[in-house]
Amino acid sequence: MNDSNYTPPDITLVGDAHVKAYLESNGAVGHMWNGVPCLVLTTTGAKSGEPRQSALIYGRDGDRYLIIASQAGAPTHPNWYHNLRANPQVTINVGDQQIDVTASTAEGDEHDRLWKVMTDVWPNYDTYQTRTERVIPVVVLTPS
């Protein structure tokens, strides 16, 4: 594993605490995290049917939002990715805006182009890809 370009993030605001601070402050706390922008993704649990929220780094491609299902290079996709595959109609909070979007997974050349967009935002994604044999998905969130 080659982690020579990996920069450990400040993880004082992660997980449920990140989501809570973000939503309670309308993004004033948590929109910028480790120098990069974050959104809160709300999916519907594929099994439970319950809302599930995750704070995730995002990038932009025109009017579309981009997120990466990296799970820091874990061998499996994150739960939120399974949820949006089951129900691609999701909601994102970006700063003080709530936006309905449709999620899709980039494939082929589009995946490669958008991967570069996202590694420009968060270079650690390249390291995460070296940690797993799965192709890490680039998720495109298109406003409805």
N, C-alpha and C. Protein backbone atom coordinates (compact mmCIF):
# COMPACT_ATOMS: atom_id res chain seq x y z
N MET A 1 0.85 -1.18 0.00
CA MET A 1 0.00 0.00 0.00
C MET A 1 0.89 1.23 0.00
N ASN A 2 0.61 2.16 -0.90
CA ASN A 2 1.39 3.39 -1.01
C ASN A 2 0.58 4.55 -0.48
N ASP A 3 0.90 4.98 0.74
CA ASP A 3 0.22 6.11 1.35
C ASP A 3 1.10 7.35 1.40
N SER A 4 2.11 7.45 0.52
CA SER A 4 3.06 8.55 0.58
C SER A 4 2.41 9.90 0.31
N ASN A 5 1.29 9.93 -0.42
CA ASN A 5 0.60 11.20 -0.69
C ASN A 5 -0.60 11.42 0.22
N TYR A 6 -0.75 10.56 1.22
CA TYR A 6 -1.88 10.64 2.13
C TYR A 6 -1.66 11.70 3.19
N THR A 7 -2.66 12.54 3.41
CA THR A 7 -2.62 13.53 4.47
C THR A 7 -3.70 13.19 5.48
N PRO A 8 -3.34 12.81 6.70
CA PRO A 8 -4.37 12.47 7.69
C PRO A 8 -5.25 13.69 7.99
N PRO A 9 -6.58 13.52 7.90
CA PRO A 9 -7.47 14.64 8.19
C PRO A 9 -7.64 14.85 9.69
N ASP A 10 -8.08 16.05 10.04
CA ASP A 10 -8.49 16.35 11.41
C ASP A 10 -9.86 15.71 11.58
N ILE A 11 -9.98 14.76 12.48
CA ILE A 11 -11.24 14.05 12.63
C ILE A 11 -11.98 14.43 13.91
N THR A 12 -11.83 15.68 14.33
CA THR A 12 -12.54 16.12 15.53
C THR A 12 -14.03 16.32 15.25
N LEU A 13 -14.43 16.42 13.99
CA LEU A 13 -15.84 16.56 13.63
C LEU A 13 -16.14 15.51 12.55
N VAL A 14 -16.68 14.37 12.97
CA VAL A 14 -16.97 13.29 12.02
C VAL A 14 -18.29 12.61 12.37
N GLY A 15 -18.79 11.83 11.42
CA GLY A 15 -19.95 10.99 11.66
C GLY A 15 -21.19 11.76 12.08
N ASP A 16 -21.92 11.19 13.05
CA ASP A 16 -23.16 11.79 13.51
C ASP A 16 -22.96 13.19 14.08
N ALA A 17 -21.82 13.43 14.73
CA ALA A 17 -21.55 14.76 15.29
C ALA A 17 -21.42 15.80 14.16
N HIS A 18 -20.81 15.41 13.06
CA HIS A 18 -20.67 16.31 11.91
C HIS A 18 -22.05 16.63 11.35
N VAL A 19 -22.86 15.61 11.13
CA VAL A 19 -24.21 15.81 10.60
C VAL A 19 -25.02 16.73 11.51
N LYS A 20 -24.99 16.45 12.81
CA LYS A 20 -25.77 17.24 13.78
C LYS A 20 -25.34 18.70 13.77
N ALA A 21 -24.04 18.95 13.86
CA ALA A 21 -23.54 20.34 13.86
C ALA A 21 -23.89 21.04 12.56
N TYR A 22 -23.77 20.35 11.47
CA TYR A 22 -24.07 20.92 10.14
C TYR A 22 -25.54 21.34 10.05
N LEU A 23 -26.43 20.42 10.39
CA LEU A 23 -27.86 20.71 10.25
C LEU A 23 -28.33 21.75 11.25
N GLU A 24 -27.83 21.70 12.48
CA GLU A 24 -28.25 22.67 13.50
C GLU A 24 -27.78 24.09 13.17
N SER A 25 -26.67 24.20 12.43
CA SER A 25 -26.13 25.53 12.11
C SER A 25 -26.41 25.95 10.66
N ASN A 26 -27.23 25.18 9.94
CA ASN A 26 -27.47 25.43 8.51
C ASN A 26 -26.16 25.50 7.73
N GLY A 27 -25.22 24.65 8.10
CA GLY A 27 -23.96 24.55 7.38
C GLY A 27 -22.87 25.50 7.85
N ALA A 28 -23.19 26.41 8.78
CA ALA A 28 -22.16 27.34 9.27
C ALA A 28 -21.02 26.55 9.93
N VAL A 29 -21.37 25.45 10.59
CA VAL A 29 -20.39 24.54 11.16
C VAL A 29 -20.44 23.26 10.34
N GLY A 30 -19.32 22.89 9.76
CA GLY A 30 -19.24 21.62 9.06
C GLY A 30 -19.29 21.68 7.56
N HIS A 31 -19.75 22.81 6.98
CA HIS A 31 -19.73 22.89 5.51
C HIS A 31 -18.28 22.84 5.02
N MET A 32 -17.41 23.57 5.66
CA MET A 32 -15.99 23.47 5.35
C MET A 32 -15.35 22.58 6.42
N TRP A 33 -14.69 21.51 5.96
CA TRP A 33 -14.08 20.52 6.84
C TRP A 33 -12.72 20.18 6.26
N ASN A 34 -11.66 20.38 7.04
CA ASN A 34 -10.30 20.12 6.55
C ASN A 34 -10.02 20.85 5.24
N GLY A 35 -10.61 22.04 5.10
CA GLY A 35 -10.36 22.87 3.93
C GLY A 35 -11.15 22.50 2.69
N VAL A 36 -12.08 21.56 2.81
CA VAL A 36 -12.89 21.13 1.65
C VAL A 36 -14.37 21.23 1.99
N PRO A 37 -15.22 21.41 0.96
CA PRO A 37 -16.65 21.55 1.23
C PRO A 37 -17.32 20.20 1.47
N CYS A 38 -18.29 20.21 2.37
CA CYS A 38 -19.06 19.01 2.68
C CYS A 38 -20.55 19.31 2.56
N LEU A 39 -21.29 18.28 2.26
CA LEU A 39 -22.75 18.34 2.24
C LEU A 39 -23.26 17.24 3.16
N VAL A 40 -24.55 17.30 3.45
CA VAL A 40 -25.19 16.21 4.18
C VAL A 40 -26.13 15.52 3.20
N LEU A 41 -25.91 14.23 3.02
CA LEU A 41 -26.72 13.39 2.16
C LEU A 41 -27.75 12.67 3.01
N THR A 42 -29.02 12.75 2.61
CA THR A 42 -30.08 12.01 3.29
C THR A 42 -30.62 10.96 2.32
N THR A 43 -30.43 9.70 2.68
CA THR A 43 -30.94 8.58 1.90
C THR A 43 -32.05 7.91 2.69
N THR A 44 -32.74 6.99 2.04
CA THR A 44 -33.72 6.14 2.71
C THR A 44 -33.09 4.77 2.87
N GLY A 45 -33.08 4.27 4.08
CA GLY A 45 -32.49 2.96 4.34
C GLY A 45 -33.10 1.89 3.44
N ALA A 46 -32.26 1.14 2.74
CA ALA A 46 -32.73 0.12 1.81
C ALA A 46 -33.54 -0.96 2.50
N LYS A 47 -33.18 -1.28 3.73
CA LYS A 47 -33.89 -2.32 4.49
C LYS A 47 -34.88 -1.72 5.48
N SER A 48 -34.47 -0.65 6.16
CA SER A 48 -35.29 -0.08 7.24
C SER A 48 -36.35 0.88 6.74
N GLY A 49 -36.10 1.53 5.60
CA GLY A 49 -37.01 2.57 5.14
C GLY A 49 -36.87 3.88 5.91
N GLU A 50 -35.93 3.92 6.85
CA GLU A 50 -35.72 5.10 7.69
C GLU A 50 -34.72 6.06 7.03
N PRO A 51 -34.86 7.37 7.30
CA PRO A 51 -33.86 8.31 6.76
C PRO A 51 -32.50 8.09 7.39
N ARG A 52 -31.47 8.18 6.57
CA ARG A 52 -30.08 8.01 7.01
C ARG A 52 -29.29 9.21 6.49
N GLN A 53 -28.47 9.79 7.35
CA GLN A 53 -27.73 10.99 6.96
C GLN A 53 -26.23 10.80 7.11
N SER A 54 -25.50 11.33 6.14
CA SER A 54 -24.03 11.26 6.14
C SER A 54 -23.47 12.58 5.69
N ALA A 55 -22.42 13.04 6.35
CA ALA A 55 -21.68 14.23 5.90
C ALA A 55 -20.56 13.74 4.98
N LEU A 56 -20.51 14.31 3.78
CA LEU A 56 -19.58 13.85 2.75
C LEU A 56 -18.94 15.02 2.02
N ILE A 57 -17.69 14.85 1.65
CA ILE A 57 -17.00 15.82 0.81
C ILE A 57 -17.69 15.84 -0.55
N TYR A 58 -17.81 17.03 -1.14
CA TYR A 58 -18.40 17.10 -2.46
C TYR A 58 -17.59 17.99 -3.39
N GLY A 59 -17.82 17.77 -4.67
CA GLY A 59 -17.29 18.61 -5.73
C GLY A 59 -18.43 18.96 -6.65
N ARG A 60 -18.13 19.72 -7.69
CA ARG A 60 -19.18 20.14 -8.63
C ARG A 60 -18.76 19.82 -10.05
N ASP A 61 -19.76 19.51 -10.86
CA ASP A 61 -19.61 19.36 -12.30
C ASP A 61 -20.81 20.07 -12.90
N GLY A 62 -20.63 21.35 -13.22
CA GLY A 62 -21.76 22.17 -13.65
C GLY A 62 -22.73 22.31 -12.50
N ASP A 63 -24.01 22.01 -12.76
CA ASP A 63 -25.02 22.11 -11.70
C ASP A 63 -25.14 20.83 -10.89
N ARG A 64 -24.33 19.83 -11.21
CA ARG A 64 -24.38 18.55 -10.51
C ARG A 64 -23.38 18.54 -9.35
N TYR A 65 -23.74 17.80 -8.32
CA TYR A 65 -22.86 17.60 -7.17
C TYR A 65 -22.25 16.21 -7.28
N LEU A 66 -21.02 16.08 -6.83
CA LEU A 66 -20.28 14.81 -6.92
C LEU A 66 -19.86 14.38 -5.53
N ILE A 67 -20.03 13.11 -5.23
CA ILE A 67 -19.54 12.53 -3.99
C ILE A 67 -18.87 11.20 -4.32
N ILE A 68 -18.02 10.74 -3.43
CA ILE A 68 -17.25 9.52 -3.65
C ILE A 68 -17.60 8.49 -2.58
N ALA A 69 -17.90 7.27 -3.01
CA ALA A 69 -18.25 6.18 -2.09
C ALA A 69 -16.98 5.42 -1.69
N SER A 70 -16.06 6.14 -1.06
CA SER A 70 -14.73 5.57 -0.79
C SER A 70 -14.67 4.73 0.48
N GLN A 71 -15.33 5.19 1.53
CA GLN A 71 -15.20 4.57 2.85
C GLN A 71 -13.72 4.38 3.18
N ALA A 72 -12.92 5.40 2.80
CA ALA A 72 -11.47 5.45 3.05
C ALA A 72 -10.72 4.24 2.49
N GLY A 73 -11.30 3.60 1.46
CA GLY A 73 -10.63 2.47 0.84
C GLY A 73 -10.99 1.13 1.46
N ALA A 74 -12.08 1.08 2.22
CA ALA A 74 -12.53 -0.19 2.79
C ALA A 74 -12.90 -1.15 1.66
N PRO A 75 -12.94 -2.45 1.94
CA PRO A 75 -13.23 -3.43 0.89
C PRO A 75 -14.69 -3.42 0.41
N THR A 76 -15.59 -2.77 1.16
CA THR A 76 -17.00 -2.73 0.78
C THR A 76 -17.47 -1.29 0.61
N HIS A 77 -18.54 -1.13 -0.16
CA HIS A 77 -19.13 0.19 -0.34
C HIS A 77 -19.78 0.65 0.98
N PRO A 78 -19.84 1.96 1.19
CA PRO A 78 -20.51 2.46 2.39
C PRO A 78 -22.02 2.18 2.33
N ASN A 79 -22.65 2.11 3.49
CA ASN A 79 -24.10 1.84 3.55
C ASN A 79 -24.90 2.88 2.77
N TRP A 80 -24.50 4.14 2.84
CA TRP A 80 -25.27 5.16 2.14
C TRP A 80 -25.30 4.90 0.64
N TYR A 81 -24.24 4.30 0.10
CA TYR A 81 -24.22 4.00 -1.33
C TYR A 81 -25.24 2.91 -1.67
N HIS A 82 -25.33 1.88 -0.84
CA HIS A 82 -26.33 0.84 -1.05
C HIS A 82 -27.74 1.43 -0.97
N ASN A 83 -27.93 2.36 -0.04
CA ASN A 83 -29.24 2.99 0.11
C ASN A 83 -29.64 3.78 -1.13
N LEU A 84 -28.73 4.57 -1.67
CA LEU A 84 -29.12 5.38 -2.83
C LEU A 84 -29.23 4.56 -4.11
N ARG A 85 -28.54 3.42 -4.13
CA ARG A 85 -28.74 2.51 -5.28
C ARG A 85 -30.16 1.95 -5.24
N ALA A 86 -30.66 1.66 -4.04
CA ALA A 86 -32.02 1.13 -3.88
C ALA A 86 -33.08 2.21 -4.12
N ASN A 87 -32.77 3.45 -3.74
CA ASN A 87 -33.71 4.57 -3.92
C ASN A 87 -32.89 5.80 -4.28
N PRO A 88 -32.74 6.10 -5.59
CA PRO A 88 -31.88 7.19 -6.02
C PRO A 88 -32.44 8.60 -5.80
N GLN A 89 -33.69 8.71 -5.35
CA GLN A 89 -34.24 10.03 -5.03
C GLN A 89 -33.80 10.38 -3.61
N VAL A 90 -32.86 11.31 -3.50
CA VAL A 90 -32.27 11.66 -2.21
C VAL A 90 -32.29 13.17 -2.04
N THR A 91 -31.93 13.60 -0.85
CA THR A 91 -31.86 15.02 -0.53
C THR A 91 -30.46 15.34 -0.05
N ILE A 92 -29.98 16.52 -0.43
CA ILE A 92 -28.71 17.00 0.10
C ILE A 92 -28.91 18.36 0.76
N ASN A 93 -28.15 18.60 1.80
CA ASN A 93 -28.06 19.92 2.41
C ASN A 93 -26.69 20.46 2.04
N VAL A 94 -26.67 21.60 1.38
CA VAL A 94 -25.43 22.26 1.00
C VAL A 94 -25.48 23.66 1.62
N GLY A 95 -24.69 23.85 2.67
CA GLY A 95 -24.80 25.10 3.41
C GLY A 95 -26.21 25.19 3.98
N ASP A 96 -26.90 26.30 3.70
CA ASP A 96 -28.26 26.49 4.23
C ASP A 96 -29.34 26.08 3.24
N GLN A 97 -28.97 25.41 2.15
CA GLN A 97 -29.93 24.98 1.14
C GLN A 97 -30.22 23.49 1.26
N GLN A 98 -31.47 23.12 1.08
CA GLN A 98 -31.84 21.72 0.96
C GLN A 98 -32.29 21.49 -0.48
N ILE A 99 -31.70 20.48 -1.13
CA ILE A 99 -31.91 20.26 -2.56
C ILE A 99 -32.30 18.82 -2.80
N ASP A 100 -33.39 18.60 -3.55
CA ASP A 100 -33.77 17.26 -3.98
C ASP A 100 -32.94 16.92 -5.20
N VAL A 101 -32.34 15.72 -5.20
CA VAL A 101 -31.48 15.29 -6.30
C VAL A 101 -31.76 13.83 -6.64
N THR A 102 -31.34 13.46 -7.83
CA THR A 102 -31.37 12.07 -8.26
C THR A 102 -29.93 11.59 -8.37
N ALA A 103 -29.65 10.46 -7.73
CA ALA A 103 -28.28 9.92 -7.70
C ALA A 103 -28.09 8.90 -8.81
N SER A 104 -26.90 8.95 -9.41
CA SER A 104 -26.49 7.93 -10.38
C SER A 104 -25.00 7.69 -10.20
N THR A 105 -24.53 6.58 -10.69
CA THR A 105 -23.12 6.24 -10.59
C THR A 105 -22.45 6.46 -11.93
N ALA A 106 -21.37 7.23 -11.93
CA ALA A 106 -20.62 7.49 -13.17
C ALA A 106 -19.92 6.20 -13.62
N GLU A 107 -19.88 5.99 -14.91
CA GLU A 107 -19.24 4.79 -15.48
C GLU A 107 -18.21 5.19 -16.53
N GLY A 108 -17.25 4.33 -16.78
CA GLY A 108 -16.31 4.48 -17.88
C GLY A 108 -15.55 5.80 -17.89
N ASP A 109 -15.54 6.45 -19.06
CA ASP A 109 -14.81 7.72 -19.22
C ASP A 109 -15.33 8.80 -18.28
N GLU A 110 -16.65 8.82 -18.05
CA GLU A 110 -17.21 9.82 -17.15
C GLU A 110 -16.68 9.60 -15.74
N HIS A 111 -16.62 8.35 -15.29
CA HIS A 111 -16.06 8.05 -13.97
C HIS A 111 -14.64 8.60 -13.89
N ASP A 112 -13.82 8.34 -14.89
CA ASP A 112 -12.43 8.76 -14.86
C ASP A 112 -12.30 10.28 -14.82
N ARG A 113 -13.12 10.98 -15.62
CA ARG A 113 -13.08 12.44 -15.65
C ARG A 113 -13.52 13.02 -14.30
N LEU A 114 -14.60 12.49 -13.76
CA LEU A 114 -15.11 13.01 -12.49
C LEU A 114 -14.25 12.60 -11.30
N TRP A 115 -13.59 11.46 -11.41
CA TRP A 115 -12.62 11.05 -10.36
C TRP A 115 -11.55 12.13 -10.24
N LYS A 116 -11.06 12.60 -11.36
CA LYS A 116 -10.02 13.65 -11.35
C LYS A 116 -10.55 14.93 -10.73
N VAL A 117 -11.80 15.29 -11.04
CA VAL A 117 -12.42 16.46 -10.41
C VAL A 117 -12.37 16.30 -8.89
N MET A 118 -12.71 15.11 -8.41
CA MET A 118 -12.78 14.90 -6.97
C MET A 118 -11.41 14.75 -6.31
N THR A 119 -10.43 14.19 -7.01
CA THR A 119 -9.10 14.11 -6.41
C THR A 119 -8.44 15.48 -6.38
N ASP A 120 -8.89 16.40 -7.22
CA ASP A 120 -8.43 17.79 -7.10
C ASP A 120 -8.97 18.42 -5.83
N VAL A 121 -10.18 18.00 -5.42
CA VAL A 121 -10.78 18.50 -4.18
C VAL A 121 -10.13 17.82 -2.97
N TRP A 122 -10.01 16.49 -3.02
CA TRP A 122 -9.52 15.69 -1.89
C TRP A 122 -8.53 14.65 -2.42
N PRO A 123 -7.24 14.98 -2.50
CA PRO A 123 -6.25 14.06 -3.07
C PRO A 123 -6.18 12.70 -2.39
N ASN A 124 -6.61 12.59 -1.15
CA ASN A 124 -6.56 11.30 -0.45
C ASN A 124 -7.38 10.22 -1.15
N TYR A 125 -8.34 10.59 -2.01
CA TYR A 125 -9.11 9.56 -2.72
C TYR A 125 -8.20 8.63 -3.52
N ASP A 126 -7.13 9.17 -4.10
CA ASP A 126 -6.20 8.30 -4.84
C ASP A 126 -5.57 7.26 -3.92
N THR A 127 -5.23 7.66 -2.70
CA THR A 127 -4.70 6.71 -1.73
C THR A 127 -5.75 5.68 -1.35
N TYR A 128 -6.98 6.14 -1.14
CA TYR A 128 -8.06 5.20 -0.78
C TYR A 128 -8.21 4.13 -1.86
N GLN A 129 -8.09 4.51 -3.14
CA GLN A 129 -8.25 3.54 -4.22
C GLN A 129 -7.17 2.47 -4.16
N THR A 130 -5.95 2.83 -3.70
CA THR A 130 -4.88 1.83 -3.60
C THR A 130 -5.14 0.83 -2.47
N ARG A 131 -6.04 1.15 -1.56
CA ARG A 131 -6.31 0.29 -0.40
C ARG A 131 -7.35 -0.79 -0.67
N THR A 132 -7.99 -0.74 -1.83
CA THR A 132 -9.08 -1.68 -2.10
C THR A 132 -9.02 -2.18 -3.54
N GLU A 133 -9.57 -3.37 -3.76
CA GLU A 133 -9.64 -3.91 -5.11
C GLU A 133 -10.89 -3.45 -5.84
N ARG A 134 -11.90 -2.96 -5.11
CA ARG A 134 -13.11 -2.50 -5.77
C ARG A 134 -12.85 -1.16 -6.46
N VAL A 135 -13.57 -0.89 -7.52
CA VAL A 135 -13.51 0.43 -8.14
C VAL A 135 -14.39 1.33 -7.29
N ILE A 136 -13.80 2.37 -6.72
CA ILE A 136 -14.57 3.26 -5.86
C ILE A 136 -15.52 4.09 -6.72
N PRO A 137 -16.82 4.06 -6.40
CA PRO A 137 -17.80 4.77 -7.21
C PRO A 137 -17.73 6.30 -7.06
N VAL A 138 -17.95 6.97 -8.20
CA VAL A 138 -18.21 8.41 -8.21
C VAL A 138 -19.71 8.55 -8.38
N VAL A 139 -20.36 9.19 -7.43
CA VAL A 139 -21.81 9.36 -7.46
C VAL A 139 -22.12 10.78 -7.93
N VAL A 140 -23.00 10.86 -8.91
CA VAL A 140 -23.45 12.13 -9.48
C VAL A 140 -24.84 12.42 -8.91
N LEU A 141 -24.99 13.62 -8.34
CA LEU A 141 -26.26 14.05 -7.76
C LEU A 141 -26.80 15.18 -8.61
N THR A 142 -27.86 14.91 -9.35
CA THR A 142 -28.43 15.87 -10.29
C THR A 142 -29.69 16.47 -9.69
N PRO A 143 -29.73 17.80 -9.55
CA PRO A 143 -30.94 18.41 -9.00
C PRO A 143 -32.20 18.00 -9.78
N SER A 144 -33.25 17.69 -9.03
CA SER A 144 -34.51 17.22 -9.65
C SER A 144 -35.29 18.37 -10.26
